N, C-alpha and C. Protein backbone atom coordinates (compact mmCIF):
# COMPACT_ATOMS: atom_id res chain seq x y z
N MET A 1 0.76 -1.22 0.09
CA MET A 1 0.00 -0.10 -0.05
C MET A 1 0.87 1.21 -0.07
N THR A 2 0.77 2.09 -0.86
CA THR A 2 1.65 3.34 -1.05
C THR A 2 0.79 4.44 -0.61
N PHE A 3 1.38 5.24 0.25
CA PHE A 3 0.84 6.40 0.71
C PHE A 3 1.85 7.60 0.72
N SER A 4 1.31 8.82 0.79
CA SER A 4 2.02 9.94 0.76
C SER A 4 1.31 11.02 1.58
N LEU A 5 2.16 11.91 1.96
CA LEU A 5 1.61 13.27 2.64
C LEU A 5 1.89 14.43 1.80
N ARG A 6 0.83 15.38 1.92
CA ARG A 6 1.13 16.76 1.51
C ARG A 6 0.33 17.67 2.13
N THR A 7 0.93 18.89 2.18
CA THR A 7 0.34 20.00 2.99
C THR A 7 -1.01 20.24 2.37
N ALA A 8 -2.01 20.32 3.47
CA ALA A 8 -3.33 20.61 3.09
C ALA A 8 -3.43 22.14 2.78
N GLY A 9 -4.19 22.47 1.69
CA GLY A 9 -4.56 23.81 1.41
C GLY A 9 -6.10 24.09 1.38
N PRO A 10 -6.40 25.31 1.06
CA PRO A 10 -7.75 25.61 1.14
C PRO A 10 -8.71 24.78 0.07
N GLU A 11 -8.26 24.18 -0.78
CA GLU A 11 -8.86 23.35 -1.73
C GLU A 11 -9.25 22.04 -1.20
N ASP A 12 -8.58 21.60 0.05
CA ASP A 12 -8.80 20.38 0.56
C ASP A 12 -9.88 20.53 1.71
N GLU A 13 -10.48 21.58 1.86
CA GLU A 13 -11.36 21.71 3.12
C GLU A 13 -12.64 20.90 2.81
N VAL A 14 -13.09 20.75 1.56
CA VAL A 14 -14.22 19.93 1.26
C VAL A 14 -13.99 18.48 1.73
N PHE A 15 -12.70 17.94 1.48
CA PHE A 15 -12.53 16.58 1.72
C PHE A 15 -12.41 16.45 3.30
N ILE A 16 -11.72 17.48 3.73
CA ILE A 16 -11.52 17.38 5.22
C ILE A 16 -12.78 17.24 5.96
N GLU A 17 -13.85 18.21 5.51
CA GLU A 17 -15.07 18.07 6.09
C GLU A 17 -15.89 16.88 6.00
N ARG A 18 -15.82 16.31 4.77
CA ARG A 18 -16.45 15.08 4.51
C ARG A 18 -15.72 13.88 5.48
N LEU A 19 -14.49 13.96 5.46
CA LEU A 19 -13.82 13.01 6.28
C LEU A 19 -14.13 12.85 7.77
N LEU A 20 -14.05 14.21 8.24
CA LEU A 20 -14.51 14.28 9.69
C LEU A 20 -15.89 13.89 10.01
N LYS A 21 -16.76 14.30 9.16
CA LYS A 21 -18.20 14.20 9.43
C LYS A 21 -18.51 12.76 9.36
N VAL A 22 -17.97 11.93 8.39
CA VAL A 22 -18.11 10.58 8.13
C VAL A 22 -17.56 9.72 9.41
N THR A 23 -16.39 10.24 9.82
CA THR A 23 -15.78 9.58 11.11
C THR A 23 -16.46 9.95 12.34
N LEU A 24 -16.86 11.12 12.41
CA LEU A 24 -17.68 11.46 13.61
C LEU A 24 -18.94 10.83 13.56
N ALA A 25 -19.78 10.64 12.49
CA ALA A 25 -21.00 9.85 12.54
C ALA A 25 -20.78 8.35 12.91
N ASP A 26 -19.66 7.79 12.56
CA ASP A 26 -19.42 6.42 12.94
C ASP A 26 -19.09 6.36 14.34
N GLU A 27 -18.20 7.40 14.93
CA GLU A 27 -17.95 7.41 16.32
C GLU A 27 -19.23 7.48 17.18
N LEU A 28 -20.10 8.44 16.72
CA LEU A 28 -21.23 8.87 17.64
C LEU A 28 -22.33 7.98 17.21
N MET A 29 -22.32 7.06 16.31
CA MET A 29 -23.37 6.09 16.01
C MET A 29 -24.67 6.98 15.44
N ALA A 30 -24.31 8.10 14.72
CA ALA A 30 -25.28 9.09 14.39
C ALA A 30 -26.06 8.69 13.01
N HIS A 31 -25.82 7.47 12.48
CA HIS A 31 -26.47 7.19 11.26
C HIS A 31 -28.11 7.11 11.41
N ALA A 32 -28.52 6.67 12.63
CA ALA A 32 -30.08 6.26 12.86
C ALA A 32 -30.68 7.73 13.23
N TRP A 33 -30.11 8.76 13.42
CA TRP A 33 -30.46 9.94 13.99
C TRP A 33 -31.46 10.63 12.96
N PRO A 34 -32.44 11.35 13.32
CA PRO A 34 -33.02 12.27 12.30
C PRO A 34 -32.10 13.21 11.52
N GLU A 35 -32.26 13.26 10.27
CA GLU A 35 -31.16 13.96 9.39
C GLU A 35 -30.86 15.29 9.72
N GLN A 36 -31.80 16.11 10.05
CA GLN A 36 -31.64 17.50 10.49
C GLN A 36 -30.71 17.62 11.85
N ILE A 37 -31.18 16.75 12.74
CA ILE A 37 -30.34 16.76 13.97
C ILE A 37 -28.93 16.26 13.67
N ARG A 38 -28.85 15.29 12.85
CA ARG A 38 -27.62 14.57 12.49
C ARG A 38 -26.58 15.62 11.99
N GLU A 39 -27.16 16.27 10.78
CA GLU A 39 -26.43 17.17 10.08
C GLU A 39 -26.05 18.36 10.98
N ASN A 40 -26.75 19.06 11.69
CA ASN A 40 -26.47 20.09 12.69
C ASN A 40 -25.51 19.66 13.88
N LEU A 41 -25.70 18.50 14.31
CA LEU A 41 -24.66 17.95 15.36
C LEU A 41 -23.21 17.79 14.76
N LEU A 42 -23.36 17.11 13.41
CA LEU A 42 -22.14 16.80 12.84
C LEU A 42 -21.31 18.09 12.44
N ALA A 43 -22.14 19.04 11.97
CA ALA A 43 -21.43 20.33 11.52
C ALA A 43 -20.80 21.06 12.78
N MET A 44 -21.52 20.96 14.04
CA MET A 44 -20.98 21.68 15.16
C MET A 44 -19.62 20.85 15.65
N GLN A 45 -19.78 19.53 15.47
CA GLN A 45 -18.61 18.68 15.91
C GLN A 45 -17.40 18.96 14.85
N TYR A 46 -17.59 18.96 13.52
CA TYR A 46 -16.53 19.19 12.53
C TYR A 46 -15.89 20.54 13.00
N HIS A 47 -16.74 21.55 13.19
CA HIS A 47 -16.18 23.03 13.26
C HIS A 47 -15.44 22.91 14.63
N GLY A 48 -15.87 22.15 15.64
CA GLY A 48 -15.03 22.13 16.83
C GLY A 48 -13.80 21.48 16.84
N ARG A 49 -13.74 20.26 16.12
CA ARG A 49 -12.44 19.57 15.70
C ARG A 49 -11.47 20.46 15.00
N ARG A 50 -12.16 21.05 13.90
CA ARG A 50 -11.08 21.90 13.23
C ARG A 50 -10.61 23.08 14.00
N GLN A 51 -11.31 23.65 14.79
CA GLN A 51 -10.89 24.72 15.68
C GLN A 51 -9.76 24.21 16.64
N SER A 52 -10.23 23.00 17.18
CA SER A 52 -9.31 22.53 18.33
C SER A 52 -7.71 22.23 17.74
N ALA A 53 -7.62 21.50 16.67
CA ALA A 53 -6.58 21.34 16.10
C ALA A 53 -5.63 22.55 15.82
N SER A 54 -6.24 23.72 15.53
CA SER A 54 -5.39 24.99 15.47
C SER A 54 -5.33 25.86 16.66
N SER A 55 -6.31 25.84 17.51
CA SER A 55 -6.18 26.75 18.70
C SER A 55 -5.42 26.07 19.88
N SER A 56 -5.71 24.69 20.03
CA SER A 56 -4.66 24.10 21.05
C SER A 56 -3.15 24.01 20.98
N TYR A 57 -2.95 23.83 19.54
CA TYR A 57 -1.49 23.91 19.19
C TYR A 57 -1.27 24.77 17.95
N PRO A 58 -1.14 26.14 18.12
CA PRO A 58 -1.04 27.12 17.17
C PRO A 58 -0.18 26.64 15.98
N ASN A 59 0.86 25.93 16.21
CA ASN A 59 2.01 25.55 15.07
C ASN A 59 1.55 24.21 14.43
N THR A 60 0.36 23.82 14.40
CA THR A 60 -0.05 22.53 13.86
C THR A 60 0.11 22.64 12.31
N GLY A 61 0.71 21.62 11.93
CA GLY A 61 0.74 21.38 10.29
C GLY A 61 -0.33 20.39 10.02
N ILE A 62 -1.14 20.61 9.03
CA ILE A 62 -2.06 19.76 8.63
C ILE A 62 -1.63 19.13 7.24
N ASP A 63 -1.64 17.80 7.13
CA ASP A 63 -1.33 17.08 5.98
C ASP A 63 -2.55 16.25 5.50
N ILE A 64 -2.50 16.20 4.21
CA ILE A 64 -3.58 15.03 3.81
C ILE A 64 -2.88 13.78 3.40
N ILE A 65 -3.36 12.63 3.75
CA ILE A 65 -2.79 11.58 3.63
C ILE A 65 -3.41 10.85 2.29
N ALA A 66 -2.66 10.54 1.41
CA ALA A 66 -3.16 10.11 0.15
C ALA A 66 -2.66 8.62 0.02
N ILE A 67 -3.59 7.72 -0.37
CA ILE A 67 -3.08 6.24 -0.65
C ILE A 67 -3.43 5.99 -1.96
N GLU A 68 -2.59 5.41 -2.59
CA GLU A 68 -2.45 5.08 -4.06
C GLU A 68 -3.11 6.50 -4.75
N GLY A 69 -2.69 7.59 -4.32
CA GLY A 69 -3.00 8.80 -5.34
C GLY A 69 -4.27 9.28 -4.71
N ALA A 70 -5.08 8.69 -3.97
CA ALA A 70 -6.38 9.25 -3.52
C ALA A 70 -6.43 9.75 -2.23
N ASP A 71 -7.07 10.87 -1.92
CA ASP A 71 -7.26 11.55 -0.41
C ASP A 71 -7.83 10.50 0.40
N ALA A 72 -7.37 10.19 1.44
CA ALA A 72 -7.63 8.92 2.48
C ALA A 72 -7.80 9.33 3.78
N GLY A 73 -7.25 10.43 4.10
CA GLY A 73 -7.27 11.08 5.58
C GLY A 73 -6.46 12.38 5.76
N TRP A 74 -6.27 12.64 7.03
CA TRP A 74 -5.64 13.79 7.54
C TRP A 74 -4.80 13.55 8.53
N LEU A 75 -3.54 14.34 8.79
CA LEU A 75 -2.64 14.27 9.86
C LEU A 75 -2.39 15.44 10.42
N ALA A 76 -2.56 15.75 11.57
CA ALA A 76 -2.29 17.23 12.29
C ALA A 76 -1.20 16.91 13.27
N VAL A 77 0.11 17.55 13.21
CA VAL A 77 1.16 17.49 14.02
C VAL A 77 1.58 18.66 14.33
N ALA A 78 1.70 18.89 15.66
CA ALA A 78 2.41 20.07 16.21
C ALA A 78 3.86 19.81 16.73
N ARG A 79 4.71 20.61 16.14
CA ARG A 79 6.23 20.35 16.43
C ARG A 79 6.54 21.64 17.39
N THR A 80 6.98 21.43 18.72
CA THR A 80 7.42 22.46 19.46
C THR A 80 8.95 22.35 19.91
N GLU A 81 9.49 23.17 20.57
CA GLU A 81 10.71 23.17 20.96
C GLU A 81 11.08 21.79 21.71
N ASP A 82 10.09 21.29 22.48
CA ASP A 82 10.35 20.11 23.29
C ASP A 82 9.76 19.03 23.13
N SER A 83 8.77 18.98 22.02
CA SER A 83 8.01 17.61 21.83
C SER A 83 7.48 17.71 20.24
N ILE A 84 6.96 16.61 19.96
CA ILE A 84 6.14 16.31 18.62
C ILE A 84 4.82 15.81 19.13
N HIS A 85 3.84 16.62 18.85
CA HIS A 85 2.46 16.37 19.44
C HIS A 85 1.64 15.79 18.24
N LEU A 86 1.24 14.57 18.21
CA LEU A 86 0.07 14.04 17.30
C LEU A 86 -1.11 14.64 17.83
N VAL A 87 -1.68 15.80 17.13
CA VAL A 87 -2.88 16.41 17.45
C VAL A 87 -4.11 15.45 16.84
N ASP A 88 -3.95 14.94 15.70
CA ASP A 88 -4.97 14.16 15.26
C ASP A 88 -4.68 13.34 14.07
N ILE A 89 -5.06 12.19 13.81
CA ILE A 89 -4.99 11.54 12.66
C ILE A 89 -6.17 10.72 12.25
N VAL A 90 -6.76 10.91 11.26
CA VAL A 90 -8.01 10.25 10.76
C VAL A 90 -7.87 9.77 9.30
N LEU A 91 -8.36 8.28 9.28
CA LEU A 91 -8.20 7.74 7.96
C LEU A 91 -10.01 7.33 7.62
N LEU A 92 -10.19 7.27 6.30
CA LEU A 92 -11.48 6.93 5.92
C LEU A 92 -11.42 5.46 6.47
N SER A 93 -12.64 4.81 6.72
CA SER A 93 -12.78 3.44 7.35
C SER A 93 -12.24 2.44 6.32
N GLU A 94 -12.28 2.68 5.18
CA GLU A 94 -11.80 1.58 4.13
C GLU A 94 -10.41 1.69 4.09
N HIS A 95 -9.68 2.56 4.60
CA HIS A 95 -8.13 2.60 4.59
C HIS A 95 -7.54 2.31 5.98
N ARG A 96 -8.37 1.93 6.94
CA ARG A 96 -7.89 1.54 8.37
C ARG A 96 -7.59 -0.02 8.45
N GLY A 97 -6.49 -0.27 9.09
CA GLY A 97 -6.21 -1.73 9.35
C GLY A 97 -5.30 -2.19 8.35
N VAL A 98 -4.72 -1.37 7.36
CA VAL A 98 -3.84 -1.82 6.38
C VAL A 98 -2.23 -1.42 6.69
N GLY A 99 -2.10 -0.63 7.74
CA GLY A 99 -0.68 -0.35 8.13
C GLY A 99 -0.18 1.11 7.83
N VAL A 100 -1.12 1.77 7.14
CA VAL A 100 -0.83 3.27 6.90
C VAL A 100 -0.66 4.02 8.27
N GLY A 101 -1.56 3.92 9.13
CA GLY A 101 -1.51 4.65 10.51
C GLY A 101 -0.18 4.11 11.24
N THR A 102 0.06 2.75 11.22
CA THR A 102 1.33 2.32 11.76
C THR A 102 2.57 2.94 11.05
N ALA A 103 2.57 3.09 9.84
CA ALA A 103 3.81 3.59 9.23
C ALA A 103 3.82 5.14 9.38
N ILE A 104 2.72 5.75 9.56
CA ILE A 104 3.01 7.28 9.97
C ILE A 104 3.53 7.45 11.41
N LEU A 105 2.98 6.61 12.26
CA LEU A 105 3.38 6.66 13.57
C LEU A 105 4.94 6.37 13.87
N GLU A 106 5.26 5.16 13.10
CA GLU A 106 6.60 4.94 13.22
C GLU A 106 7.52 6.12 12.55
N ALA A 107 7.16 6.65 11.61
CA ALA A 107 7.93 7.86 11.04
C ALA A 107 7.94 8.97 12.12
N LEU A 108 6.97 9.29 12.69
CA LEU A 108 7.00 10.16 13.97
C LEU A 108 7.91 9.64 14.99
N CYS A 109 7.94 8.48 15.19
CA CYS A 109 9.06 7.83 16.25
C CYS A 109 10.33 8.06 15.73
N GLN A 110 10.58 7.87 14.60
CA GLN A 110 11.77 7.93 13.89
C GLN A 110 12.21 9.52 14.09
N GLU A 111 11.43 10.44 13.64
CA GLU A 111 11.81 11.81 13.89
C GLU A 111 11.96 12.10 15.23
N SER A 112 11.08 11.51 16.22
CA SER A 112 11.34 11.69 17.76
C SER A 112 12.71 11.22 18.09
N HIS A 113 13.27 9.97 17.65
CA HIS A 113 14.54 9.69 17.94
C HIS A 113 15.59 10.40 17.56
N GLN A 114 15.61 10.98 16.12
CA GLN A 114 16.70 11.86 15.76
C GLN A 114 16.59 13.19 16.31
N SER A 115 15.56 13.73 16.70
CA SER A 115 15.43 15.20 17.33
C SER A 115 15.40 14.95 18.91
N ARG A 116 15.45 13.90 19.28
CA ARG A 116 15.41 13.51 21.11
C ARG A 116 14.36 14.32 21.57
N LYS A 117 13.04 14.44 20.90
CA LYS A 117 11.98 14.96 21.56
C LYS A 117 10.84 13.79 21.51
N PRO A 118 10.11 13.68 22.74
CA PRO A 118 9.02 12.83 22.79
C PRO A 118 7.97 13.06 21.81
N VAL A 119 7.24 12.07 21.45
CA VAL A 119 5.98 12.10 20.67
C VAL A 119 4.85 12.02 21.73
N ARG A 120 3.91 13.09 21.57
CA ARG A 120 2.83 13.00 22.72
C ARG A 120 1.40 13.03 21.99
N LEU A 121 0.67 12.50 22.71
CA LEU A 121 -0.82 12.33 22.07
C LEU A 121 -1.90 12.32 23.14
N HIS A 122 -3.15 12.47 22.68
CA HIS A 122 -4.27 12.21 23.61
C HIS A 122 -5.13 11.31 22.89
N VAL A 123 -5.82 10.42 23.39
CA VAL A 123 -6.66 9.56 22.86
C VAL A 123 -7.88 9.18 23.97
N MET A 124 -9.07 9.02 23.29
CA MET A 124 -10.30 8.70 24.16
C MET A 124 -9.94 7.07 24.48
N VAL A 125 -10.28 6.88 25.76
CA VAL A 125 -10.11 5.42 26.33
C VAL A 125 -10.84 4.42 25.47
N SER A 126 -11.76 4.70 24.82
CA SER A 126 -12.65 3.83 23.93
C SER A 126 -12.18 3.70 22.57
N ASN A 127 -11.34 4.77 22.15
CA ASN A 127 -10.71 4.47 20.85
C ASN A 127 -9.65 3.37 20.55
N ARG A 128 -10.05 2.55 19.59
CA ARG A 128 -9.30 1.32 19.43
C ARG A 128 -7.86 1.69 19.01
N ALA A 129 -7.49 2.89 18.65
CA ALA A 129 -6.19 3.29 18.30
C ALA A 129 -5.30 3.19 19.49
N ALA A 130 -5.78 3.24 20.67
CA ALA A 130 -5.01 3.17 21.76
C ALA A 130 -4.07 1.94 21.84
N ARG A 131 -4.74 0.89 21.41
CA ARG A 131 -3.95 -0.46 21.44
C ARG A 131 -2.84 -0.34 20.34
N LEU A 132 -3.15 0.44 19.26
CA LEU A 132 -1.94 0.57 18.29
C LEU A 132 -0.84 1.36 18.93
N TYR A 133 -1.18 2.36 19.71
CA TYR A 133 -0.17 3.24 20.35
C TYR A 133 0.56 2.40 21.33
N GLU A 134 -0.23 1.57 22.08
CA GLU A 134 0.60 0.71 23.17
C GLU A 134 1.58 -0.17 22.40
N ARG A 135 1.08 -0.75 21.30
CA ARG A 135 1.95 -1.85 20.61
C ARG A 135 3.16 -1.13 20.18
N LEU A 136 3.27 0.12 19.56
CA LEU A 136 4.31 0.81 19.24
C LEU A 136 5.13 1.34 20.37
N GLY A 137 4.79 1.20 21.60
CA GLY A 137 5.68 1.75 22.63
C GLY A 137 5.28 2.89 23.20
N PHE A 138 3.97 3.48 23.01
CA PHE A 138 3.60 4.58 23.76
C PHE A 138 3.21 4.13 25.15
N ARG A 139 3.64 5.06 26.20
CA ARG A 139 3.08 4.58 27.51
C ARG A 139 2.12 5.71 28.08
N ASP A 140 1.17 5.32 28.98
CA ASP A 140 0.35 6.41 29.62
C ASP A 140 1.10 7.40 30.57
N VAL A 141 0.93 8.65 30.40
CA VAL A 141 1.49 9.65 31.27
C VAL A 141 0.46 9.94 32.13
N HIS A 142 -0.96 10.09 31.80
CA HIS A 142 -2.05 10.47 32.60
C HIS A 142 -3.29 9.74 31.99
N SER A 143 -4.15 9.34 32.75
CA SER A 143 -5.34 8.77 32.38
C SER A 143 -6.48 9.21 33.31
N ASP A 144 -7.81 9.32 32.73
CA ASP A 144 -9.04 9.43 33.51
C ASP A 144 -10.11 8.59 32.93
N GLU A 145 -11.28 8.70 33.12
CA GLU A 145 -12.33 7.82 32.65
C GLU A 145 -12.65 8.02 31.09
N VAL A 146 -12.14 9.18 30.63
CA VAL A 146 -12.50 9.43 29.22
C VAL A 146 -11.21 9.45 28.31
N ASN A 147 -10.12 10.13 28.76
CA ASN A 147 -8.99 10.23 27.94
C ASN A 147 -7.71 9.61 28.54
N ARG A 148 -6.89 9.47 27.59
CA ARG A 148 -5.45 8.93 27.93
C ARG A 148 -4.57 9.77 27.26
N GLU A 149 -3.51 10.42 27.99
CA GLU A 149 -2.43 11.11 27.57
C GLU A 149 -1.32 9.98 27.52
N MET A 150 -0.71 10.01 26.29
CA MET A 150 0.22 9.03 26.06
C MET A 150 1.74 9.60 25.49
N GLU A 151 2.67 8.99 25.67
CA GLU A 151 4.02 9.47 25.19
C GLU A 151 5.02 8.41 24.77
N TRP A 152 5.67 8.63 23.75
CA TRP A 152 6.72 7.73 23.29
C TRP A 152 8.00 8.34 23.43
N LEU A 153 8.97 7.89 23.91
CA LEU A 153 10.31 8.39 24.57
C LEU A 153 11.24 7.95 23.43
N PRO A 154 12.13 8.84 22.96
CA PRO A 154 13.39 8.45 22.04
C PRO A 154 14.30 7.55 23.10
């Protein structure tokens, strides 16, 4: 499976909105909701997630993940003086489980090793990606009932 990253531009916003809304609908099990309620809630969630990526980490770089040349996801990473923060990674469901996320995370860990900066992230306790992070060597720094803060040390 061949994937590539490219810097997201204004022309990618339609794809990003669709990607996040589809993913959020799956996460919230919103497919059975009345259409107007579903669309309004997903729009609010999309805008919140977009704002969060840039306001929590002002230096966040947004990349589009392309698989076999087709847009398949997005990657948001903030690089600071003391860490590399994985703000968000989202793949369309048909592209999950084929190793792309693992390859991207391994590249971030390699960058961490070279720069001597830890990779940090937050993940919901219920998110299946937490198992992937654990498998790659991420360890809990702090956890509560909803979220886990994890870190990979070089």
